[in-house]
Amino acid sequence: MKFSLQLAATASLLASAHASNLTTEAVARPPPPPPCRYLPGDPQWPNAAAWRSLNSTVGGRLVATVPIGTPCHDPKYNKNNAICSYTTSSSVMQPFFANQSCDPFTPESKPCVLGNYISYAVNVSCDADVQAALAFATKYNIRVVVRNTGHDFFGRSTGAGALGIWTHNLKSISISTYKSTNYNGPSMKVGAGVQGFEMLQAAHSKGFVAVSGECPTVGVAGGYTQGGGHSALSTSFGLGADQTLEFEVVTAAGSILTASPSKNSDLYWALSGGGSGYGVVTSMTVKLHPDATIGGAKITIAAATTTQANFNKFVAGFHAMLPAMIDKGAMVIYLLTNTVFVLEPVTVYNSTADYVQNVVLADFNALLSELGITPIATQYTELSYYDHYNTYMGPLPNGNLDVGDFNYGSRLIPRSVLLNNNDALQAVLQNLTAHGVIMVGSSANYAKPAGVNNAVFPVWRTTTVHLQIGTPWNNTAPWAQMLADQKTITNEYVPQLTAVTPGSGAYMNEGDFQQPNFQQTFFGSNYNTLLSIKKKYDPNSLFYGLRLVGSEAWTVDNSGRMCRAK
């Protein structure tokens, strides 16, 4: 009996303790996060004093957004005011993503509004500035945008009501010998604001080349490398993501981490080709390679100089020859429309003009002769890589690509399709160009270099052509017409390419921003692993980018309000 009473008493005490713990846990459990990020005009939006405090914390480097189109509208109309867009903290590459918030092509009497532009940006000078911006955004539940130049096909560099973390002025560059268990050799450490032309110049001045994009104003440490990054040097050295040695990163929680194959290796893996959104990269260290003479070429062919049948035969033959050109060491970029074909440039590292003309392009030139086609322009060169770049992808520093003037889609074309299903591919290309589609192919050997382990989309490794398609964006056309053109790319044009490339995918940086099933199309078998890494380093999904890993956790409506998906 005594034992039974003691047991009952003990059970009662345990039950009371358990109930107490449950009560404590219930009280201590944090409230659920707000369903939506706050926007200007919401009662919860930070007041002027809060913004002044943040400005003081970051040393006066908080920038209030003044849209780039402001001088084009009353009451601040000034037709002589010209601003270079990539040096501003808020401008965007694609007009669509400004959502006509402050459009230079609308009547000057129409007032400017912030609309889809970020509200403020911190002009970052150090890690502490990033930490302060992230802490502020977390405290006040506002959207975060990480940006350098604004060069982004998906509008990830803007967002209504966002606080921008503007890395553009992190311009440090240093060259040294890197030593690790994975790599011993020359390297370059770049701040997150360094652009391709700055990287090229710094490498060239010390007798090296560095892998960067074909547009020289693109920042190298952000979406370019983190998304994969194709290059005129890819056949020789791989993608931009294949060059990474380490990153310095500020996480959503404000921790400052080094990510490398030996430190935070999962984060390093994700940042090297798995897209952005895992943290704020403030610097990146990459491999350098010896400078060498580059054999180059440019050839222009007008469809009007031959019959349509001959032009089609030539284009088909060119695509059939591409794998062999790549096998001979070339990286080949070409433009194709229904009126012209431009090969520009052919890039062969450690080579000569003679090798390009008589080896790489021997069959190409023989085909032209066979079909009786005479190019309207031909150029062969033998230059340093810097001068080769300046000749074909320059003039430096700005380059020659008007990337903001088109609606885009893309597809990665496997080598096997060029070798075994080229007829079907050509039927699609002819149909698309007949409808006014412009195509640019970036062709290389994108196979994984030895010793590399990263999150590059596996489909890249069997790809020969990254084929980008576009239709003109007309700033003065009705907005509804441009939206309809975008839907045509999504619903008609890209599916035609998909049908002849089953099992392939597209490049997450230069694809269709409306791409369905983006998880498979942009990331493939890497997606679930990348999502787990995203949740580890950004558990509350502070970082968001359209069609990036974890982006399905959010929805953004037409007003720019960003809410958690239900």
Protein backbone atom coordinates (compact mmCIF):
# COMPACT_ATOMS: atom_id res chain seq x y z
CA MET A 1 0.00 0.00 0.00
CA LYS A 2 2.79 2.38 0.98
CA PHE A 3 4.58 1.57 -2.31
CA SER A 4 1.37 2.27 -4.26
CA LEU A 5 0.97 5.66 -2.59
CA GLN A 6 4.60 6.58 -3.31
CA LEU A 7 4.18 5.51 -6.93
CA ALA A 8 1.02 7.58 -7.25
CA ALA A 9 2.76 10.61 -5.72
CA THR A 10 5.73 10.21 -8.03
CA ALA A 11 3.45 9.92 -11.03
CA SER A 12 1.59 13.04 -9.94
CA LEU A 13 4.85 15.00 -9.62
CA LEU A 14 6.05 13.82 -13.04
CA ALA A 15 2.73 14.75 -14.59
CA SER A 16 2.87 18.20 -12.99
CA ALA A 17 6.44 18.72 -14.19
CA HIS A 18 5.52 17.61 -17.68
CA ALA A 19 2.55 19.97 -17.73
CA SER A 20 4.77 22.77 -16.47
CA ASN A 21 7.30 22.08 -19.23
CA LEU A 22 4.56 22.08 -21.84
CA THR A 23 3.30 25.40 -20.53
CA THR A 24 6.81 26.87 -20.55
CA GLU A 25 7.45 25.60 -24.05
CA ALA A 26 4.16 27.03 -25.24
CA VAL A 27 4.98 30.42 -23.77
CA ALA A 28 8.56 30.36 -25.09
CA ARG A 29 7.66 29.27 -28.62
CA PRO A 30 8.21 32.23 -30.96
CA PRO A 31 5.20 33.54 -32.84
CA PRO A 32 4.86 32.51 -36.47
CA PRO A 33 6.52 34.91 -38.91
CA PRO A 34 4.28 37.47 -40.62
CA PRO A 35 2.74 36.02 -43.77
CA CYS A 36 4.04 38.82 -46.00
CA ARG A 37 7.02 41.16 -46.19
CA TYR A 38 6.07 44.72 -45.29
CA LEU A 39 5.89 47.44 -47.93
CA PRO A 40 6.01 51.24 -47.74
CA GLY A 41 2.62 52.41 -46.51
CA ASP A 42 2.10 49.44 -44.21
CA PRO A 43 1.78 50.44 -40.53
CA GLN A 44 4.74 48.20 -39.70
CA TRP A 45 7.08 49.83 -42.23
CA PRO A 46 10.17 51.31 -40.51
CA ASN A 47 9.75 54.97 -39.65
CA ALA A 48 12.17 57.74 -40.59
CA ALA A 49 14.03 57.44 -37.29
CA ALA A 50 14.69 53.75 -37.91
CA TRP A 51 16.15 54.48 -41.34
CA ARG A 52 18.28 57.28 -39.90
CA SER A 53 19.60 54.86 -37.31
CA LEU A 54 20.53 52.31 -40.00
CA ASN A 55 22.22 55.06 -42.00
CA SER A 56 24.28 56.00 -38.96
CA THR A 57 25.21 52.35 -38.34
CA VAL A 58 26.55 51.94 -41.89
CA GLY A 59 28.51 55.19 -41.85
CA GLY A 60 26.11 57.27 -43.92
CA ARG A 61 26.06 54.80 -46.81
CA LEU A 62 22.30 54.21 -46.93
CA VAL A 63 21.02 55.24 -50.37
CA ALA A 64 17.37 56.19 -50.90
CA THR A 65 16.26 55.07 -54.34
CA VAL A 66 15.75 57.69 -57.02
CA PRO A 67 14.66 55.75 -60.12
CA ILE A 68 16.92 56.14 -63.12
CA GLY A 69 14.03 57.50 -65.21
CA THR A 70 13.30 60.37 -62.81
CA PRO A 71 14.81 63.11 -65.04
CA CYS A 72 12.33 62.06 -67.76
CA HIS A 73 9.26 62.98 -65.70
CA ASP A 74 7.71 65.94 -63.97
CA PRO A 75 8.35 67.60 -61.62
CA LYS A 76 12.07 66.78 -62.11
CA TYR A 77 12.12 66.62 -65.91
CA ASN A 78 15.63 67.27 -67.25
CA LYS A 79 16.35 65.98 -70.76
CA ASN A 80 20.09 66.61 -70.35
CA ASN A 81 20.52 64.36 -67.31
CA ALA A 82 22.25 61.13 -68.33
CA ILE A 83 23.04 58.35 -65.83
CA CYS A 84 24.97 55.14 -66.40
CA SER A 85 22.66 52.45 -65.07
CA TYR A 86 25.06 49.88 -63.62
CA THR A 87 26.62 52.50 -61.34
CA THR A 88 23.31 53.13 -59.58
CA SER A 89 22.09 51.16 -56.59
CA SER A 90 18.62 50.45 -57.99
CA SER A 91 18.59 50.21 -61.80
CA VAL A 92 17.64 47.02 -63.59
CA MET A 93 18.75 45.40 -66.85
CA GLN A 94 15.35 44.24 -68.10
CA PRO A 95 12.70 46.99 -68.48
CA PHE A 96 9.95 44.52 -67.64
CA PHE A 97 11.11 44.14 -64.05
CA ALA A 98 10.76 47.87 -63.39
CA ASN A 99 7.06 47.28 -64.17
CA GLN A 100 6.70 50.80 -65.64
CA SER A 101 7.42 52.25 -62.19
CA CYS A 102 9.37 55.16 -63.68
CA ASP A 103 9.50 54.55 -67.42
CA PRO A 104 11.41 57.04 -69.60
CA PHE A 105 9.13 56.06 -72.50
CA THR A 106 5.87 57.09 -70.84
CA PRO A 107 4.68 60.72 -70.97
CA GLU A 108 6.78 63.15 -68.94
CA SER A 109 3.63 64.26 -67.12
CA LYS A 110 3.26 60.79 -65.59
CA PRO A 111 4.82 60.89 -62.11
CA CYS A 112 7.59 58.51 -61.07
CA VAL A 113 6.88 56.00 -58.33
CA LEU A 114 9.17 53.50 -56.65
CA GLY A 115 6.93 50.63 -57.69
CA ASN A 116 9.08 47.55 -58.19
CA TYR A 117 12.36 49.31 -57.46
CA ILE A 118 14.06 48.67 -54.14
CA SER A 119 13.32 51.34 -51.53
CA TYR A 120 16.82 51.73 -50.09
CA ALA A 121 20.25 50.22 -50.52
CA VAL A 122 23.25 49.94 -48.25
CA ASN A 123 26.38 50.83 -50.22
CA VAL A 124 28.43 48.06 -48.66
CA SER A 125 32.05 48.70 -47.73
CA CYS A 126 32.68 45.81 -45.31
CA ASP A 127 31.12 42.74 -43.73
CA ALA A 128 29.71 44.81 -40.88
CA ASP A 129 27.58 46.78 -43.34
CA VAL A 130 26.10 43.53 -44.63
CA GLN A 131 25.43 42.34 -41.09
CA ALA A 132 23.68 45.60 -40.23
CA ALA A 133 21.50 45.46 -43.35
CA LEU A 134 20.49 41.86 -42.72
CA ALA A 135 19.70 42.54 -39.05
CA PHE A 136 17.56 45.54 -40.02
CA ALA A 137 15.66 43.61 -42.70
CA THR A 138 15.05 40.75 -40.28
CA LYS A 139 13.88 43.02 -37.47
CA TYR A 140 11.43 44.91 -39.68
CA ASN A 141 10.38 42.00 -41.90
CA ILE A 142 11.28 43.61 -45.19
CA ARG A 143 12.53 42.05 -48.38
CA VAL A 144 16.27 41.74 -49.09
CA VAL A 145 17.88 42.07 -52.50
CA VAL A 146 21.58 41.41 -53.03
CA ARG A 147 22.90 43.23 -56.11
CA ASN A 148 26.03 44.49 -57.82
CA THR A 149 25.36 45.82 -61.33
CA GLY A 150 21.70 44.94 -61.81
CA HIS A 151 22.63 42.64 -64.70
CA ASP A 152 20.01 39.92 -64.30
CA PHE A 153 17.68 38.27 -66.81
CA PHE A 154 15.24 37.31 -64.03
CA GLY A 155 14.87 40.64 -62.22
CA ARG A 156 16.51 39.25 -59.09
CA SER A 157 18.30 42.56 -58.55
CA THR A 158 15.12 44.44 -57.66
CA GLY A 159 11.93 44.05 -55.65
CA ALA A 160 9.23 46.30 -54.26
CA GLY A 161 9.95 47.59 -50.77
CA ALA A 162 13.30 45.80 -50.60
CA LEU A 163 16.45 46.82 -48.81
CA GLY A 164 19.28 46.35 -51.27
CA ILE A 165 22.68 45.07 -50.23
CA TRP A 166 24.70 46.86 -52.92
CA THR A 167 28.11 45.22 -53.29
CA HIS A 168 29.21 47.23 -56.33
CA ASN A 169 31.98 49.13 -54.58
CA LEU A 170 33.70 46.08 -53.10
CA LYS A 171 36.43 46.42 -55.73
CA SER A 172 39.47 44.82 -54.11
CA ILE A 173 41.62 42.57 -56.33
CA SER A 174 44.70 40.65 -55.24
CA ILE A 175 46.77 37.98 -56.99
CA SER A 176 48.73 35.36 -55.07
CA THR A 177 49.75 31.72 -54.98
CA TYR A 178 46.98 29.63 -53.44
CA LYS A 179 47.93 26.53 -51.51
CA SER A 180 45.54 23.80 -50.44
CA THR A 181 45.08 20.07 -50.66
CA ASN A 182 42.94 20.59 -53.77
CA TYR A 183 44.87 23.27 -55.65
CA ASN A 184 48.30 24.86 -55.63
CA GLY A 185 48.78 27.65 -58.12
CA PRO A 186 48.03 31.23 -59.12
CA SER A 187 44.80 32.73 -57.86
CA MET A 188 42.86 35.96 -57.78
CA LYS A 189 40.76 37.17 -54.86
CA VAL A 190 38.06 39.63 -55.91
CA GLY A 191 35.58 41.68 -53.94
CA ALA A 192 31.94 41.08 -54.76
CA GLY A 193 31.75 44.32 -56.78
CA VAL A 194 34.45 43.43 -59.29
CA GLN A 195 33.25 43.23 -62.89
CA GLY A 196 34.55 41.17 -65.76
CA PHE A 197 36.53 43.95 -67.42
CA GLU A 198 38.34 44.70 -64.15
CA MET A 199 39.17 41.03 -63.68
CA LEU A 200 40.46 40.78 -67.24
CA GLN A 201 42.70 43.81 -66.85
CA ALA A 202 44.14 42.70 -63.51
CA ALA A 203 44.90 39.20 -64.77
CA HIS A 204 46.42 40.47 -68.02
CA SER A 205 48.71 42.90 -66.19
CA LYS A 206 50.32 39.96 -64.35
CA GLY A 207 50.52 37.53 -67.27
CA PHE A 208 47.37 35.52 -66.58
CA VAL A 209 43.86 34.96 -67.87
CA ALA A 210 40.74 34.60 -65.75
CA VAL A 211 37.43 33.00 -66.61
CA SER A 212 34.67 35.62 -66.86
CA GLY A 213 31.56 36.19 -68.94
CA GLU A 214 31.31 37.39 -72.53
CA CYS A 215 29.68 40.61 -71.33
CA PRO A 216 32.47 42.58 -69.62
CA THR A 217 30.29 44.59 -67.23
CA VAL A 218 28.86 41.52 -65.49
CA GLY A 219 29.96 41.11 -61.88
CA VAL A 220 31.92 37.90 -61.45
CA ALA A 221 31.40 36.91 -57.79
CA GLY A 222 27.60 37.04 -57.79
CA GLY A 223 25.07 35.30 -59.99
CA TYR A 224 27.56 34.74 -62.80
CA THR A 225 29.80 32.32 -60.93
CA GLN A 226 27.16 31.13 -58.47
CA GLY A 227 24.88 30.20 -61.38
CA GLY A 228 27.56 28.42 -63.44
CA GLY A 229 29.02 31.07 -65.73
CA HIS A 230 29.96 30.23 -69.35
CA SER A 231 33.01 31.91 -70.85
CA ALA A 232 35.01 32.27 -74.05
CA LEU A 233 37.63 30.19 -72.18
CA SER A 234 35.25 27.40 -71.17
CA THR A 235 36.59 24.79 -73.62
CA SER A 236 40.04 25.19 -72.07
CA PHE A 237 39.18 25.70 -68.40
CA GLY A 238 35.49 25.01 -67.76
CA LEU A 239 32.73 27.19 -66.37
CA GLY A 240 33.14 30.10 -63.99
CA ALA A 241 31.94 27.90 -61.13
CA ASP A 242 34.73 25.42 -61.91
CA GLN A 243 37.33 28.06 -60.98
CA THR A 244 36.29 28.71 -57.39
CA LEU A 245 38.65 28.10 -54.49
CA GLU A 246 36.82 29.83 -51.66
CA PHE A 247 34.19 32.39 -50.76
CA GLU A 248 33.76 34.81 -47.88
CA VAL A 249 30.08 34.83 -46.94
CA VAL A 250 27.78 36.62 -44.52
CA THR A 251 24.87 34.35 -43.62
CA ALA A 252 21.28 35.38 -42.93
CA ALA A 253 22.04 35.20 -39.19
CA GLY A 254 25.02 37.54 -39.62
CA SER A 255 27.76 34.94 -39.26
CA ILE A 256 30.92 35.51 -41.32
CA LEU A 257 32.06 32.25 -42.87
CA THR A 258 34.74 31.00 -45.22
CA ALA A 259 33.40 28.43 -47.67
CA SER A 260 35.92 26.16 -49.38
CA PRO A 261 36.35 22.44 -50.06
CA SER A 262 37.69 22.09 -46.52
CA LYS A 263 35.58 24.67 -44.61
CA ASN A 264 31.80 24.71 -44.75
CA SER A 265 32.18 22.51 -47.79
CA ASP A 266 28.44 22.15 -48.34
CA LEU A 267 28.06 25.91 -48.66
CA TYR A 268 31.06 26.06 -50.99
CA TRP A 269 29.52 23.31 -53.13
CA ALA A 270 26.21 25.16 -53.37
CA LEU A 271 27.75 28.56 -54.18
CA SER A 272 29.80 26.99 -56.97
CA GLY A 273 27.08 26.61 -59.55
CA GLY A 274 23.95 26.03 -57.44
CA GLY A 275 22.61 29.56 -57.82
CA SER A 276 22.54 32.36 -55.28
CA GLY A 277 20.45 32.81 -52.14
CA TYR A 278 22.51 30.94 -49.54
CA GLY A 279 24.23 34.02 -48.11
CA VAL A 280 25.86 37.29 -49.15
CA VAL A 281 29.19 36.67 -50.87
CA THR A 282 31.58 39.52 -50.11
CA SER A 283 34.65 38.05 -51.83
CA MET A 284 35.64 35.11 -53.98
CA THR A 285 38.97 33.47 -54.80
CA VAL A 286 39.39 31.76 -58.17
CA LYS A 287 42.05 30.01 -60.22
CA LEU A 288 44.15 31.91 -62.74
CA HIS A 289 45.70 30.45 -65.88
CA PRO A 290 48.77 31.46 -67.92
CA ASP A 291 48.22 34.07 -70.59
CA ALA A 292 48.67 32.75 -74.12
CA THR A 293 48.10 33.74 -77.71
CA ILE A 294 44.49 33.33 -78.79
CA GLY A 295 43.54 32.31 -82.30
CA GLY A 296 40.34 34.12 -83.21
CA ALA A 297 37.88 34.59 -86.03
CA LYS A 298 34.74 36.38 -87.12
CA ILE A 299 32.72 35.44 -90.22
CA THR A 300 29.46 37.06 -91.35
CA ILE A 301 27.10 35.46 -93.85
CA ALA A 302 24.01 37.16 -95.22
CA ALA A 303 21.09 34.98 -96.25
CA ALA A 304 20.40 37.34 -99.15
CA THR A 305 23.67 36.31 -100.84
CA THR A 306 22.36 32.80 -101.51
CA THR A 307 19.09 30.88 -101.75
CA GLN A 308 17.04 30.08 -98.67
CA ALA A 309 17.64 26.38 -99.29
CA ASN A 310 21.40 26.89 -99.40
CA PHE A 311 21.34 29.08 -96.30
CA ASN A 312 19.43 26.36 -94.44
CA LYS A 313 21.90 23.70 -95.64
CA PHE A 314 24.76 25.82 -94.41
CA VAL A 315 23.22 26.38 -90.96
CA ALA A 316 22.46 22.67 -90.64
CA GLY A 317 25.99 21.74 -91.69
CA PHE A 318 27.48 24.22 -89.23
CA HIS A 319 25.61 22.66 -86.32
CA ALA A 320 26.67 19.18 -87.40
CA MET A 321 30.30 20.36 -87.41
CA LEU A 322 30.20 22.06 -84.02
CA PRO A 323 31.26 19.04 -81.91
CA ALA A 324 34.37 18.57 -84.07
CA MET A 325 35.22 22.29 -83.80
CA ILE A 326 34.97 22.07 -80.04
CA ASP A 327 37.12 18.93 -80.00
CA LYS A 328 39.84 20.95 -81.75
CA GLY A 329 39.95 23.34 -78.79
CA ALA A 330 37.52 26.03 -79.87
CA MET A 331 34.84 27.97 -78.06
CA VAL A 332 32.36 29.25 -80.65
CA ILE A 333 29.73 31.95 -80.29
CA TYR A 334 27.27 32.55 -83.09
CA LEU A 335 24.21 34.65 -83.87
CA LEU A 336 21.45 33.36 -86.12
CA THR A 337 18.36 35.04 -87.55
CA ASN A 338 16.38 34.47 -90.73
CA THR A 339 18.60 37.03 -92.51
CA VAL A 340 22.12 36.60 -91.13
CA PHE A 341 24.59 34.23 -89.51
CA VAL A 342 27.50 35.69 -87.56
CA LEU A 343 30.30 33.59 -86.15
CA GLU A 344 31.77 35.83 -83.45
CA PRO A 345 34.06 34.97 -81.96
CA VAL A 346 35.87 31.73 -82.42
CA THR A 347 38.25 31.52 -79.45
CA VAL A 348 41.11 29.00 -79.34
CA TYR A 349 43.46 29.30 -76.37
CA ASN A 350 47.20 28.88 -77.00
CA SER A 351 46.73 28.88 -80.75
CA THR A 352 47.19 30.81 -83.99
CA ALA A 353 45.10 32.42 -86.70
CA ASP A 354 46.35 29.80 -89.15
CA TYR A 355 45.17 26.96 -86.89
CA VAL A 356 41.72 28.52 -86.61
CA GLN A 357 41.37 29.03 -90.35
CA ASN A 358 42.89 25.80 -91.62
CA VAL A 359 42.09 23.32 -88.86
CA VAL A 360 39.16 24.43 -86.72
CA LEU A 361 37.22 26.02 -89.60
CA ALA A 362 38.54 23.88 -92.46
CA ASP A 363 35.28 21.96 -92.95
CA PHE A 364 33.24 25.10 -92.31
CA ASN A 365 35.03 26.95 -95.10
CA ALA A 366 34.80 23.93 -97.39
CA LEU A 367 31.03 23.86 -96.88
CA LEU A 368 30.77 27.53 -97.82
CA SER A 369 32.71 26.84 -101.02
CA GLU A 370 30.60 23.81 -101.83
CA LEU A 371 27.41 25.85 -101.48
CA GLY A 372 28.83 28.84 -103.36
CA ILE A 373 28.39 31.15 -100.38
CA THR A 374 30.78 34.06 -99.97
CA PRO A 375 30.91 35.69 -96.52
CA ILE A 376 30.34 39.42 -96.48
CA ALA A 377 33.04 39.81 -93.82
CA THR A 378 35.90 37.60 -92.62
CA GLN A 379 38.52 38.22 -89.96
CA TYR A 380 41.24 36.06 -88.42
CA THR A 381 43.42 37.22 -85.54
CA GLU A 382 46.25 36.17 -83.27
CA LEU A 383 46.17 38.21 -80.07
CA SER A 384 46.59 38.13 -76.31
CA TYR A 385 43.38 37.13 -74.58
CA TYR A 386 42.79 40.68 -73.36
CA ASP A 387 43.14 42.09 -76.88
CA HIS A 388 41.09 39.22 -78.34
CA TYR A 389 38.33 40.00 -75.87
CA ASN A 390 38.50 43.71 -76.65
CA THR A 391 38.36 43.01 -80.39
CA TYR A 392 35.37 40.67 -80.41
CA MET A 393 33.49 41.19 -77.16
CA GLY A 394 34.46 44.81 -76.55
CA PRO A 395 35.14 47.57 -76.83
CA LEU A 396 36.13 47.46 -73.20
CA PRO A 397 34.94 48.29 -70.65
CA ASN A 398 31.30 48.27 -71.74
CA GLY A 399 31.15 45.63 -74.47
CA ASN A 400 28.62 45.45 -77.30
CA LEU A 401 25.64 43.51 -75.94
CA ASP A 402 22.29 45.32 -75.65
CA VAL A 403 20.94 42.65 -73.34
CA GLY A 404 18.07 44.76 -72.06
CA ASP A 405 16.36 44.93 -75.44
CA PHE A 406 14.89 41.41 -75.63
CA ASN A 407 12.53 38.87 -74.11
CA TYR A 408 14.45 35.65 -73.49
CA GLY A 409 14.26 31.90 -73.32
CA SER A 410 16.96 29.24 -73.67
CA ARG A 411 17.84 25.57 -73.87
CA LEU A 412 21.00 23.54 -73.36
CA ILE A 413 21.61 21.52 -76.55
CA PRO A 414 23.37 18.21 -75.84
CA ARG A 415 26.20 17.00 -78.05
CA SER A 416 24.15 13.88 -78.77
CA VAL A 417 21.40 15.96 -80.42
CA LEU A 418 23.88 17.62 -82.80
CA LEU A 419 25.32 14.23 -83.72
CA ASN A 420 22.15 12.13 -83.85
CA ASN A 421 19.09 14.36 -84.19
CA ASN A 422 20.29 17.43 -86.05
CA ASP A 423 17.54 17.29 -88.68
CA ALA A 424 14.84 17.66 -86.03
CA LEU A 425 16.77 20.47 -84.36
CA GLN A 426 17.13 22.32 -87.66
CA ALA A 427 13.41 22.08 -88.35
CA VAL A 428 12.79 23.84 -85.03
CA LEU A 429 15.46 26.50 -85.64
CA GLN A 430 14.07 27.26 -89.09
CA ASN A 431 10.55 27.59 -87.71
CA LEU A 432 11.66 29.89 -84.89
CA THR A 433 13.77 32.18 -87.07
CA ALA A 434 10.90 32.36 -89.59
CA HIS A 435 8.86 33.87 -86.75
CA GLY A 436 11.49 36.54 -86.11
CA VAL A 437 13.28 34.83 -83.23
CA ILE A 438 16.93 35.79 -82.71
CA MET A 439 19.31 33.10 -81.50
CA VAL A 440 22.73 33.20 -79.86
CA GLY A 441 24.66 30.00 -79.32
CA SER A 442 27.54 29.73 -76.85
CA SER A 443 29.31 26.51 -77.80
CA ALA A 444 32.09 24.83 -75.86
CA ASN A 445 33.27 21.76 -74.04
CA TYR A 446 31.54 22.24 -70.69
CA ALA A 447 32.72 18.93 -69.21
CA LYS A 448 33.75 18.91 -65.56
CA PRO A 449 37.50 19.62 -65.16
CA ALA A 450 39.55 17.15 -63.17
CA GLY A 451 39.37 17.55 -59.40
CA VAL A 452 36.26 19.74 -59.42
CA ASN A 453 33.29 19.05 -57.15
CA ASN A 454 30.46 21.56 -57.32
CA ALA A 455 26.74 22.10 -57.82
CA VAL A 456 26.82 22.96 -61.52
CA PHE A 457 23.64 21.67 -63.21
CA PRO A 458 24.73 18.18 -64.40
CA VAL A 459 23.22 18.71 -67.85
CA TRP A 460 25.90 21.31 -68.57
CA ARG A 461 28.50 18.53 -68.67
CA THR A 462 27.02 16.93 -71.79
CA THR A 463 26.02 20.22 -73.43
CA THR A 464 27.67 21.60 -76.56
CA VAL A 465 25.46 24.66 -77.15
CA HIS A 466 23.79 26.99 -74.69
CA LEU A 467 21.17 28.32 -77.11
CA GLN A 468 19.51 31.55 -76.12
CA ILE A 469 16.47 32.78 -78.03
CA GLY A 470 14.96 36.23 -77.98
CA THR A 471 12.30 38.48 -79.41
CA PRO A 472 12.69 42.25 -79.41
CA TRP A 473 11.48 44.25 -76.44
CA ASN A 474 9.98 47.48 -77.75
CA ASN A 475 9.89 50.19 -75.10
CA THR A 476 7.33 52.22 -77.01
CA ALA A 477 5.00 49.33 -77.90
CA PRO A 478 1.88 48.63 -75.85
CA TRP A 479 2.79 46.89 -72.61
CA ALA A 480 0.21 44.17 -73.25
CA GLN A 481 1.91 43.31 -76.55
CA MET A 482 5.26 42.80 -74.84
CA LEU A 483 3.66 40.59 -72.19
CA ALA A 484 2.06 38.54 -74.96
CA ASP A 485 5.46 38.13 -76.61
CA GLN A 486 6.86 36.83 -73.32
CA LYS A 487 4.07 34.26 -73.08
CA THR A 488 4.80 33.15 -76.64
CA ILE A 489 8.38 32.35 -75.66
CA THR A 490 7.18 30.37 -72.63
CA ASN A 491 4.25 28.57 -74.22
CA GLU A 492 5.35 28.10 -77.85
CA TYR A 493 9.01 28.73 -78.61
CA VAL A 494 10.86 27.09 -75.70
CA PRO A 495 8.62 23.98 -75.80
CA GLN A 496 9.70 23.40 -79.41
CA LEU A 497 13.34 23.28 -78.32
CA THR A 498 12.40 21.12 -75.34
CA ALA A 499 10.72 18.59 -77.61
CA VAL A 500 13.94 17.91 -79.54
CA THR A 501 16.17 17.89 -76.43
CA PRO A 502 14.38 15.51 -74.03
CA GLY A 503 16.04 15.18 -70.64
CA SER A 504 18.05 18.37 -71.05
CA GLY A 505 17.38 21.71 -69.34
CA ALA A 506 18.29 25.38 -69.40
CA TYR A 507 20.77 27.83 -67.87
CA MET A 508 19.35 29.39 -64.70
CA ASN A 509 20.94 32.79 -65.42
CA GLU A 510 19.88 33.22 -69.04
CA GLY A 511 16.59 31.41 -69.41
CA ASP A 512 12.89 32.10 -69.40
CA PHE A 513 11.91 33.81 -66.14
CA GLN A 514 8.50 32.15 -66.42
CA GLN A 515 10.00 28.67 -66.86
CA PRO A 516 7.63 25.97 -65.53
CA ASN A 517 9.12 23.18 -63.42
CA PHE A 518 12.23 25.28 -62.86
CA GLN A 519 13.54 22.88 -60.23
CA GLN A 520 14.14 20.19 -62.83
CA THR A 521 14.90 22.48 -65.77
CA PHE A 522 17.54 24.61 -64.00
CA PHE A 523 18.88 22.31 -61.24
CA GLY A 524 17.91 18.71 -61.99
CA SER A 525 19.17 16.05 -59.60
CA ASN A 526 20.97 18.66 -57.47
CA TYR A 527 17.80 20.39 -56.34
CA ASN A 528 16.91 18.52 -53.16
CA THR A 529 20.47 18.68 -51.84
CA LEU A 530 20.65 22.38 -52.61
CA LEU A 531 17.33 22.96 -50.86
CA SER A 532 18.60 21.27 -47.70
CA ILE A 533 21.71 23.51 -47.77
CA LYS A 534 19.51 26.55 -48.30
CA LYS A 535 17.43 25.62 -45.24
CA LYS A 536 20.57 25.09 -43.18
CA TYR A 537 22.13 28.49 -43.86
CA ASP A 538 18.94 30.49 -44.46
CA PRO A 539 16.29 28.72 -42.35
CA ASN A 540 13.82 31.60 -42.47
CA SER A 541 14.19 32.18 -46.21
CA LEU A 542 15.48 35.73 -45.95
CA PHE A 543 17.10 35.52 -49.39
CA TYR A 544 14.77 35.22 -52.35
CA GLY A 545 15.37 35.19 -56.10
CA LEU A 546 12.92 34.27 -58.83
CA ARG A 547 13.33 30.63 -59.93
CA LEU A 548 16.18 30.03 -57.47
CA VAL A 549 16.41 27.26 -54.89
CA GLY A 550 13.69 27.66 -52.27
CA SER A 551 11.87 30.40 -54.17
CA GLU A 552 8.70 28.30 -54.20
CA ALA A 553 8.34 29.25 -50.52
CA TRP A 554 7.19 32.71 -51.66
CA THR A 555 4.69 34.31 -54.02
CA VAL A 556 4.93 37.84 -55.39
CA ASP A 557 1.78 39.55 -56.67
CA ASN A 558 1.48 42.24 -59.33
CA SER A 559 1.92 45.00 -56.75
CA GLY A 560 5.23 43.50 -55.64
CA ARG A 561 3.91 42.23 -52.32
CA MET A 562 5.85 39.12 -51.33
CA CYS A 563 4.02 36.54 -49.21
CA ARG A 564 4.75 33.06 -47.95
CA ALA A 565 3.22 30.41 -50.16
CA LYS A 566 0.32 28.53 -48.62
